[in-house]
Amino acid sequence: MREAIIHIPADELDDDGLTEFLARVHEAGLRDLSELACQSDGCLLVVTVDAPIPESTLDSLDYIHWWEQLSSSGDGHVYLCKITAESAGRDILSMEELGIPNSDLHVDDDGLTVSLVGDQEDISRGIAAYDTAGLSVSLQRIADYDGPTTALDTLTDRQREILQTAFRLGYFEVPRDVSTEDVADAFELDTSTVAEHLQRAERNLLSELLTTP
């Protein structure tokens, strides 16, 4: 297993209109920004900050399809945001779709730093995808990797499959496009079985994300 650290300068993100979002979360004291699920047309991000982000700020950004505050305490404020590609100017890059589920994001004043974990072929494919999308990236480091994986690895294979299918079908849209029964039909399973898988997957993910120091 290898890890590549790549950097995307802040001015590269201007074309996508994401600079303002990144600036606002950085001003709020960004602790963590994690990709929960991602497809080419949109991405679910979990954002943890020190101070609340004004609701008017989140509501004013066209590419935030919807958002929800998951928790608010002295230990931090956690938001779930759906970013859509429609207003961002280009398809959102999904490392999950590219076969690189172990990726991590870090935001600072200089731009976006991405950690890609996988074999050499997977990492090369991920870097090439950024280049194809028109983003100028610089490779900062590549080395052997033996560290922790992402929150998605807290899921069983079945939980991950059902969660990703539910996301693709529109289960997490607001208003919700499909029902639990629709997701169950895609797997030819009982609705109660799929509902339990989704609940356990959501609990595992949020438990991992909200308890990570």
C-alpha atoms as a PDB file:
ATOM      1  CA  MET A   1       0.000   0.000   0.000  1.00  0.00           C
ATOM      2  CA  ARG A   2       1.304   3.450  -0.958  1.00  0.00           C
ATOM      3  CA  GLU A   3       0.338   7.005  -0.027  1.00  0.00           C
ATOM      4  CA  ALA A   4       0.621  10.032  -2.313  1.00  0.00           C
ATOM      5  CA  ILE A   5       0.202  13.586  -1.025  1.00  0.00           C
ATOM      6  CA  ILE A   6      -0.910  16.013  -3.737  1.00  0.00           C
ATOM      7  CA  HIS A   7      -1.671  19.716  -3.470  1.00  0.00           C
ATOM      8  CA  ILE A   8      -4.170  21.837  -5.406  1.00  0.00           C
ATOM      9  CA  PRO A   9      -3.487  25.603  -5.107  1.00  0.00           C
ATOM     10  CA  ALA A  10      -6.330  27.820  -3.917  1.00  0.00           C
ATOM     11  CA  ASP A  11      -6.505  29.740  -7.211  1.00  0.00           C
ATOM     12  CA  GLU A  12      -7.209  26.445  -9.029  1.00  0.00           C
ATOM     13  CA  LEU A  13     -10.420  26.160  -7.024  1.00  0.00           C
ATOM     14  CA  ASP A  14     -11.680  29.614  -8.012  1.00  0.00           C
ATOM     15  CA  ASP A  15     -13.161  28.331 -11.271  1.00  0.00           C
ATOM     16  CA  ASP A  16     -15.343  25.900  -9.341  1.00  0.00           C
ATOM     17  CA  GLY A  17     -16.622  28.601  -7.003  1.00  0.00           C
ATOM     18  CA  LEU A  18     -15.561  26.535  -4.015  1.00  0.00           C
ATOM     19  CA  THR A  19     -13.084  29.068  -2.687  1.00  0.00           C
ATOM     20  CA  GLU A  20     -15.728  30.920  -0.674  1.00  0.00           C
ATOM     21  CA  PHE A  21     -16.940  27.724   0.984  1.00  0.00           C
ATOM     22  CA  LEU A  22     -13.399  26.706   1.896  1.00  0.00           C
ATOM     23  CA  ALA A  23     -12.655  30.212   3.181  1.00  0.00           C
ATOM     24  CA  ARG A  24     -15.759  30.226   5.397  1.00  0.00           C
ATOM     25  CA  VAL A  25     -15.055  26.847   6.985  1.00  0.00           C
ATOM     26  CA  HIS A  26     -11.428  27.831   7.467  1.00  0.00           C
ATOM     27  CA  GLU A  27     -12.489  31.050   9.212  1.00  0.00           C
ATOM     28  CA  ALA A  28     -14.713  28.971  11.524  1.00  0.00           C
ATOM     29  CA  GLY A  29     -11.655  27.007  12.646  1.00  0.00           C
ATOM     30  CA  LEU A  30     -11.604  23.949  10.423  1.00  0.00           C
ATOM     31  CA  ARG A  31     -10.752  20.785  12.313  1.00  0.00           C
ATOM     32  CA  ASP A  32     -11.653  18.155   9.760  1.00  0.00           C
ATOM     33  CA  LEU A  33     -13.220  17.808   6.321  1.00  0.00           C
ATOM     34  CA  SER A  34     -14.064  14.277   5.252  1.00  0.00           C
ATOM     35  CA  GLU A  35     -15.688  12.782   2.168  1.00  0.00           C
ATOM     36  CA  LEU A  36     -18.567  10.611   3.323  1.00  0.00           C
ATOM     37  CA  ALA A  37     -19.797   9.526  -0.093  1.00  0.00           C
ATOM     38  CA  CYS A  38     -19.140  10.856  -3.561  1.00  0.00           C
ATOM     39  CA  GLN A  39     -20.349  10.403  -7.121  1.00  0.00           C
ATOM     40  CA  SER A  40     -19.511  12.456 -10.206  1.00  0.00           C
ATOM     41  CA  ASP A  41     -22.617  14.628  -9.760  1.00  0.00           C
ATOM     42  CA  GLY A  42     -22.221  15.411  -6.083  1.00  0.00           C
ATOM     43  CA  CYS A  43     -20.478  14.764  -2.824  1.00  0.00           C
ATOM     44  CA  LEU A  44     -21.433  14.413   0.852  1.00  0.00           C
ATOM     45  CA  LEU A  45     -18.919  16.148   3.110  1.00  0.00           C
ATOM     46  CA  VAL A  46     -18.678  16.073   6.897  1.00  0.00           C
ATOM     47  CA  VAL A  47     -17.150  19.322   8.167  1.00  0.00           C
ATOM     48  CA  THR A  48     -16.007  19.859  11.766  1.00  0.00           C
ATOM     49  CA  VAL A  49     -15.201  23.418  12.885  1.00  0.00           C
ATOM     50  CA  ASP A  50     -14.497  25.254  16.149  1.00  0.00           C
ATOM     51  CA  ALA A  51     -17.201  27.917  15.731  1.00  0.00           C
ATOM     52  CA  PRO A  52     -20.665  27.817  14.129  1.00  0.00           C
ATOM     53  CA  ILE A  53     -20.891  28.685  10.433  1.00  0.00           C
ATOM     54  CA  PRO A  54     -23.620  31.311   9.862  1.00  0.00           C
ATOM     55  CA  GLU A  55     -26.709  29.733   8.321  1.00  0.00           C
ATOM     56  CA  SER A  56     -26.941  32.633   5.867  1.00  0.00           C
ATOM     57  CA  THR A  57     -23.489  31.746   4.540  1.00  0.00           C
ATOM     58  CA  LEU A  58     -24.384  28.118   3.874  1.00  0.00           C
ATOM     59  CA  ASP A  59     -27.763  29.056   2.378  1.00  0.00           C
ATOM     60  CA  SER A  60     -26.204  31.590   0.015  1.00  0.00           C
ATOM     61  CA  LEU A  61     -23.814  29.170  -1.720  1.00  0.00           C
ATOM     62  CA  ASP A  62     -25.505  27.779  -4.844  1.00  0.00           C
ATOM     63  CA  TYR A  63     -23.431  24.606  -4.978  1.00  0.00           C
ATOM     64  CA  ILE A  64     -24.492  23.533  -1.463  1.00  0.00           C
ATOM     65  CA  HIS A  65     -27.620  21.587  -2.367  1.00  0.00           C
ATOM     66  CA  TRP A  66     -28.497  21.096   1.291  1.00  0.00           C
ATOM     67  CA  TRP A  67     -26.810  21.060   4.666  1.00  0.00           C
ATOM     68  CA  GLU A  68     -27.542  19.900   8.200  1.00  0.00           C
ATOM     69  CA  GLN A  69     -25.859  20.623  11.511  1.00  0.00           C
ATOM     70  CA  LEU A  70     -25.255  17.253  13.160  1.00  0.00           C
ATOM     71  CA  SER A  71     -23.934  18.471  16.494  1.00  0.00           C
ATOM     72  CA  SER A  72     -23.037  21.660  18.333  1.00  0.00           C
ATOM     73  CA  SER A  73     -21.004  21.801  21.524  1.00  0.00           C
ATOM     74  CA  GLY A  74     -17.929  23.262  23.114  1.00  0.00           C
ATOM     75  CA  ASP A  75     -15.968  20.441  21.507  1.00  0.00           C
ATOM     76  CA  GLY A  76     -16.880  21.601  18.000  1.00  0.00           C
ATOM     77  CA  HIS A  77     -19.633  21.938  15.430  1.00  0.00           C
ATOM     78  CA  VAL A  78     -20.247  19.222  12.847  1.00  0.00           C
ATOM     79  CA  TYR A  79     -22.037  19.789   9.532  1.00  0.00           C
ATOM     80  CA  LEU A  80     -23.167  17.430   6.795  1.00  0.00           C
ATOM     81  CA  CYS A  81     -23.151  19.189   3.388  1.00  0.00           C
ATOM     82  CA  LYS A  82     -24.216  17.992  -0.062  1.00  0.00           C
ATOM     83  CA  ILE A  83     -22.069  19.701  -2.711  1.00  0.00           C
ATOM     84  CA  THR A  84     -23.452  19.456  -6.243  1.00  0.00           C
ATOM     85  CA  ALA A  85     -21.483  19.550  -9.473  1.00  0.00           C
ATOM     86  CA  GLU A  86     -24.192  21.436 -11.356  1.00  0.00           C
ATOM     87  CA  SER A  87     -23.081  24.807 -10.000  1.00  0.00           C
ATOM     88  CA  ALA A  88     -19.447  23.914  -9.488  1.00  0.00           C
ATOM     89  CA  GLY A  89     -18.516  24.109 -13.159  1.00  0.00           C
ATOM     90  CA  ARG A  90     -17.200  20.580 -13.619  1.00  0.00           C
ATOM     91  CA  ASP A  91     -17.853  17.013 -12.484  1.00  0.00           C
ATOM     92  CA  ILE A  92     -16.814  16.333  -8.924  1.00  0.00           C
ATOM     93  CA  LEU A  93     -13.938  13.880  -8.763  1.00  0.00           C
ATOM     94  CA  SER A  94     -14.935  10.734  -6.906  1.00  0.00           C
ATOM     95  CA  MET A  95     -12.003   8.725  -5.637  1.00  0.00           C
ATOM     96  CA  GLU A  96     -14.461   5.997  -4.650  1.00  0.00           C
ATOM     97  CA  GLU A  97     -15.599   5.647  -8.279  1.00  0.00           C
ATOM     98  CA  LEU A  98     -11.952   5.588  -9.378  1.00  0.00           C
ATOM     99  CA  GLY A  99     -11.255   2.694  -7.034  1.00  0.00           C
ATOM    100  CA  ILE A 100      -9.386   4.720  -4.393  1.00  0.00           C
ATOM    101  CA  PRO A 101     -11.673   4.625  -1.347  1.00  0.00           C
ATOM    102  CA  ASN A 102      -8.908   5.607   1.074  1.00  0.00           C
ATOM    103  CA  SER A 103      -8.542   9.324   0.440  1.00  0.00           C
ATOM    104  CA  ASP A 104      -8.338  12.240   2.836  1.00  0.00           C
ATOM    105  CA  LEU A 105      -8.714  15.994   2.416  1.00  0.00           C
ATOM    106  CA  HIS A 106      -7.077  18.898   4.219  1.00  0.00           C
ATOM    107  CA  VAL A 107      -7.893  22.568   3.627  1.00  0.00           C
ATOM    108  CA  ASP A 108      -5.713  25.556   4.454  1.00  0.00           C
ATOM    109  CA  ASP A 109      -5.079  29.068   3.148  1.00  0.00           C
ATOM    110  CA  ASP A 110      -2.911  27.712   0.333  1.00  0.00           C
ATOM    111  CA  GLY A 111      -5.553  25.374  -1.089  1.00  0.00           C
ATOM    112  CA  LEU A 112      -6.491  21.721  -0.876  1.00  0.00           C
ATOM    113  CA  THR A 113      -4.183  18.866   0.067  1.00  0.00           C
ATOM    114  CA  VAL A 114      -5.319  15.348  -0.807  1.00  0.00           C
ATOM    115  CA  SER A 115      -3.914  12.086   0.516  1.00  0.00           C
ATOM    116  CA  LEU A 116      -4.463   9.108  -1.793  1.00  0.00           C
ATOM    117  CA  VAL A 117      -3.883   5.623  -0.386  1.00  0.00           C
ATOM    118  CA  GLY A 118      -3.779   2.554  -2.610  1.00  0.00           C
ATOM    119  CA  ASP A 119      -1.459   0.650  -4.897  1.00  0.00           C
ATOM    120  CA  GLN A 120       0.735   2.483  -7.400  1.00  0.00           C
ATOM    121  CA  GLU A 121      -1.673   1.960 -10.289  1.00  0.00           C
ATOM    122  CA  ASP A 122      -4.640   3.314  -8.320  1.00  0.00           C
ATOM    123  CA  ILE A 123      -2.714   6.398  -7.223  1.00  0.00           C
ATOM    124  CA  SER A 124      -1.515   7.108 -10.770  1.00  0.00           C
ATOM    125  CA  ARG A 125      -5.118   6.852 -11.988  1.00  0.00           C
ATOM    126  CA  GLY A 126      -6.260   9.285  -9.285  1.00  0.00           C
ATOM    127  CA  ILE A 127      -3.614  11.869 -10.124  1.00  0.00           C
ATOM    128  CA  ALA A 128      -4.395  11.540 -13.832  1.00  0.00           C
ATOM    129  CA  ALA A 129      -8.083  12.169 -13.090  1.00  0.00           C
ATOM    130  CA  TYR A 130      -7.281  15.522 -11.479  1.00  0.00           C
ATOM    131  CA  ASP A 131      -5.200  16.453 -14.518  1.00  0.00           C
ATOM    132  CA  THR A 132      -8.005  15.421 -16.885  1.00  0.00           C
ATOM    133  CA  ALA A 133     -10.426  17.587 -14.884  1.00  0.00           C
ATOM    134  CA  GLY A 134      -8.205  20.586 -15.603  1.00  0.00           C
ATOM    135  CA  LEU A 135      -6.757  20.954 -12.108  1.00  0.00           C
ATOM    136  CA  SER A 136      -3.066  21.691 -11.766  1.00  0.00           C
ATOM    137  CA  VAL A 137      -1.748  19.496  -8.967  1.00  0.00           C
ATOM    138  CA  SER A 138       1.697  19.059  -7.499  1.00  0.00           C
ATOM    139  CA  LEU A 139       2.911  15.772  -6.056  1.00  0.00           C
ATOM    140  CA  GLN A 140       4.418  16.563  -2.667  1.00  0.00           C
ATOM    141  CA  ARG A 141       5.281  13.087  -1.450  1.00  0.00           C
ATOM    142  CA  ILE A 142       4.796   9.407  -2.196  1.00  0.00           C
ATOM    143  CA  ALA A 143       5.842   6.657   0.199  1.00  0.00           C
ATOM    144  CA  ASP A 144       4.831   3.339   1.724  1.00  0.00           C
ATOM    145  CA  TYR A 145       1.734   3.587   3.897  1.00  0.00           C
ATOM    146  CA  ASP A 146       0.897   1.687   7.081  1.00  0.00           C
ATOM    147  CA  GLY A 147      -1.378   4.214   8.782  1.00  0.00           C
ATOM    148  CA  PRO A 148      -5.116   4.203   9.483  1.00  0.00           C
ATOM    149  CA  THR A 149      -7.711   4.032   6.735  1.00  0.00           C
ATOM    150  CA  THR A 150     -10.854   6.134   6.362  1.00  0.00           C
ATOM    151  CA  ALA A 151     -14.158   6.006   8.207  1.00  0.00           C
ATOM    152  CA  LEU A 152     -15.638   3.988   5.335  1.00  0.00           C
ATOM    153  CA  ASP A 153     -13.549   1.053   6.498  1.00  0.00           C
ATOM    154  CA  THR A 154     -15.693   0.843   9.634  1.00  0.00           C
ATOM    155  CA  LEU A 155     -18.414  -0.579   7.370  1.00  0.00           C
ATOM    156  CA  THR A 156     -18.927  -4.129   6.240  1.00  0.00           C
ATOM    157  CA  ASP A 157     -18.799  -4.700   2.488  1.00  0.00           C
ATOM    158  CA  ARG A 158     -22.588  -5.071   2.444  1.00  0.00           C
ATOM    159  CA  GLN A 159     -23.175  -1.883   4.441  1.00  0.00           C
ATOM    160  CA  ARG A 160     -20.904   0.078   2.115  1.00  0.00           C
ATOM    161  CA  GLU A 161     -22.584  -1.348  -0.994  1.00  0.00           C
ATOM    162  CA  ILE A 162     -26.075  -0.487   0.262  1.00  0.00           C
ATOM    163  CA  LEU A 163     -25.043   2.978   1.488  1.00  0.00           C
ATOM    164  CA  GLN A 164     -23.398   3.875  -1.826  1.00  0.00           C
ATOM    165  CA  THR A 165     -26.348   2.544  -3.837  1.00  0.00           C
ATOM    166  CA  ALA A 166     -28.763   4.536  -1.660  1.00  0.00           C
ATOM    167  CA  PHE A 167     -26.687   7.678  -2.268  1.00  0.00           C
ATOM    168  CA  ARG A 168     -26.587   7.057  -6.026  1.00  0.00           C
ATOM    169  CA  LEU A 169     -30.356   6.511  -6.207  1.00  0.00           C
ATOM    170  CA  GLY A 170     -31.127   9.745  -4.332  1.00  0.00           C
ATOM    171  CA  TYR A 171     -31.961   8.424  -0.870  1.00  0.00           C
ATOM    172  CA  PHE A 172     -30.049  11.288   0.780  1.00  0.00           C
ATOM    173  CA  GLU A 173     -31.535  14.063  -1.343  1.00  0.00           C
ATOM    174  CA  VAL A 174     -33.732  16.740   0.284  1.00  0.00           C
ATOM    175  CA  PRO A 175     -36.548  16.154  -0.328  1.00  0.00           C
ATOM    176  CA  ARG A 176     -35.767  12.435  -0.543  1.00  0.00           C
ATOM    177  CA  ASP A 177     -36.082  11.122  -4.112  1.00  0.00           C
ATOM    178  CA  VAL A 178     -36.445   7.446  -3.251  1.00  0.00           C
ATOM    179  CA  SER A 179     -37.638   5.374  -0.299  1.00  0.00           C
ATOM    180  CA  THR A 180     -35.998   2.596   1.658  1.00  0.00           C
ATOM    181  CA  GLU A 181     -38.247   0.241  -0.290  1.00  0.00           C
ATOM    182  CA  ASP A 182     -36.749   1.509  -3.579  1.00  0.00           C
ATOM    183  CA  VAL A 183     -33.247   0.788  -2.293  1.00  0.00           C
ATOM    184  CA  ALA A 184     -34.378  -2.648  -1.117  1.00  0.00           C
ATOM    185  CA  ASP A 185     -35.798  -3.382  -4.591  1.00  0.00           C
ATOM    186  CA  ALA A 186     -32.365  -2.726  -6.103  1.00  0.00           C
ATOM    187  CA  PHE A 187     -30.968  -5.579  -3.992  1.00  0.00           C
ATOM    188  CA  GLU A 188     -34.102  -7.767  -3.953  1.00  0.00           C
ATOM    189  CA  LEU A 189     -34.030  -7.637  -0.151  1.00  0.00           C
ATOM    190  CA  ASP A 190     -36.642  -6.969   2.515  1.00  0.00           C
ATOM    191  CA  THR A 191     -37.134  -3.297   3.341  1.00  0.00           C
ATOM    192  CA  SER A 192     -36.437  -3.964   7.022  1.00  0.00           C
ATOM    193  CA  THR A 193     -33.095  -5.590   6.175  1.00  0.00           C
ATOM    194  CA  VAL A 194     -31.964  -2.634   4.070  1.00  0.00           C
ATOM    195  CA  ALA A 195     -33.190  -0.149   6.694  1.00  0.00           C
ATOM    196  CA  GLU A 196     -31.108  -1.928   9.334  1.00  0.00           C
ATOM    197  CA  HIS A 197     -28.015  -1.923   7.091  1.00  0.00           C
ATOM    198  CA  LEU A 198     -28.436   1.818   6.447  1.00  0.00           C
ATOM    199  CA  GLN A 199     -28.936   2.617  10.127  1.00  0.00           C
ATOM    200  CA  ARG A 200     -25.893   0.610  11.167  1.00  0.00           C
ATOM    201  CA  ALA A 201     -23.782   2.124   8.388  1.00  0.00           C
ATOM    202  CA  GLU A 202     -24.795   5.671   9.323  1.00  0.00           C
ATOM    203  CA  ARG A 203     -24.166   4.973  13.003  1.00  0.00           C
ATOM    204  CA  ASN A 204     -20.720   3.461  12.346  1.00  0.00           C
ATOM    205  CA  LEU A 205     -19.692   6.342  10.109  1.00  0.00           C
ATOM    206  CA  LEU A 206     -20.904   9.099  12.399  1.00  0.00           C
ATOM    207  CA  SER A 207     -19.480   7.394  15.485  1.00  0.00           C
ATOM    208  CA  GLU A 208     -16.093   7.252  13.795  1.00  0.00           C
ATOM    209  CA  LEU A 209     -16.224  10.807  12.466  1.00  0.00           C
ATOM    210  CA  LEU A 210     -17.630  12.452  15.585  1.00  0.00           C
ATOM    211  CA  THR A 211     -15.268  10.730  18.018  1.00  0.00           C
ATOM    212  CA  THR A 212     -12.085  11.257  16.001  1.00  0.00           C
ATOM    213  CA  PRO A 213      -9.893  13.739  17.926  1.00  0.00           C
END
